[in-house]
Amino acid sequence: MKAIYYPDGDTFVLRVSDCTPVRDVSQGWHVIVSYDAEGCVVEIVLLDASKIGVWPVVTDAEAE
């Protein structure tokens, strides 16, 4: 699994598989889920990440 934040587009990408995505599905205004040919999740893209509160990431130690 790999998580990458792209500040230019305020986009957070959570890549959960090395498979090639073949289909993207919008799950609302800020979330896009990509699937492989078998229907398994390949990546989740969160648009406007800082605006919706997913960036910066808060760790357990910081939340206390």
Protein backbone atom coordinates (compact mmCIF):
# COMPACT_ATOMS: atom_id res chain seq x y z
CA MET A 1 0.00 0.00 0.00
CA LYS A 2 1.19 3.51 -0.78
CA ALA A 3 -0.24 6.89 0.15
CA ILE A 4 0.76 10.01 -1.77
CA TYR A 5 -0.36 13.62 -1.39
CA TYR A 6 -0.14 15.90 -4.43
CA PRO A 7 -0.20 19.52 -3.18
CA ASP A 8 -0.58 21.02 -6.69
CA GLY A 9 -4.05 19.49 -7.00
CA ASP A 10 -4.77 19.02 -3.27
CA THR A 11 -5.24 15.33 -4.03
CA PHE A 12 -4.58 12.36 -1.74
CA VAL A 13 -4.12 8.97 -3.44
CA LEU A 14 -4.24 5.70 -1.54
CA ARG A 15 -2.87 2.96 -3.78
CA VAL A 16 -3.78 -0.48 -2.41
CA SER A 17 -2.74 -2.71 -5.32
CA ASP A 18 -0.20 -2.84 -8.14
CA CYS A 19 -2.88 -4.05 -10.57
CA THR A 20 -3.90 -1.91 -13.52
CA PRO A 21 -7.13 0.02 -12.98
CA VAL A 22 -9.73 -0.56 -15.69
CA ARG A 23 -12.72 1.27 -14.21
CA ASP A 24 -13.18 4.41 -12.11
CA VAL A 25 -16.32 5.06 -10.08
CA SER A 26 -17.17 8.39 -8.46
CA GLN A 27 -18.36 7.86 -4.90
CA GLY A 28 -19.58 11.39 -4.35
CA TRP A 29 -18.09 14.79 -4.98
CA HIS A 30 -14.60 14.14 -3.57
CA VAL A 31 -13.97 10.39 -3.85
CA ILE A 32 -13.01 8.27 -6.87
CA VAL A 33 -12.45 4.52 -6.53
CA SER A 34 -10.52 2.62 -9.22
CA TYR A 35 -11.04 -1.10 -9.80
CA ASP A 36 -9.06 -3.78 -11.65
CA ALA A 37 -10.47 -6.30 -14.15
CA GLU A 38 -11.47 -8.64 -11.29
CA GLY A 39 -13.44 -5.90 -9.52
CA CYS A 40 -10.92 -5.41 -6.70
CA VAL A 41 -10.06 -1.91 -5.48
CA VAL A 42 -6.77 -0.61 -6.91
CA GLU A 43 -6.77 2.95 -5.57
CA ILE A 44 -8.86 5.55 -3.81
CA VAL A 45 -8.46 9.19 -4.81
CA LEU A 46 -9.63 11.98 -2.49
CA LEU A 47 -10.03 15.36 -4.18
CA ASP A 48 -9.70 18.63 -2.23
CA ALA A 49 -7.98 16.61 0.50
CA SER A 50 -7.08 19.50 2.80
CA LYS A 51 -10.50 21.07 2.40
CA ILE A 52 -12.34 17.89 3.44
CA GLY A 53 -9.97 17.23 6.35
CA VAL A 54 -7.98 14.19 5.22
CA TRP A 55 -4.73 16.14 4.86
CA PRO A 56 -2.57 16.61 6.82
CA VAL A 57 -2.81 13.11 8.25
CA VAL A 58 -3.05 12.98 12.04
CA THR A 59 -1.31 10.09 13.79
CA ASP A 60 -2.55 8.46 17.01
CA ALA A 61 0.18 10.18 19.01
CA GLU A 62 -0.82 13.61 17.68
CA ALA A 63 -4.52 13.02 18.39
CA GLU A 64 -4.00 12.54 22.14
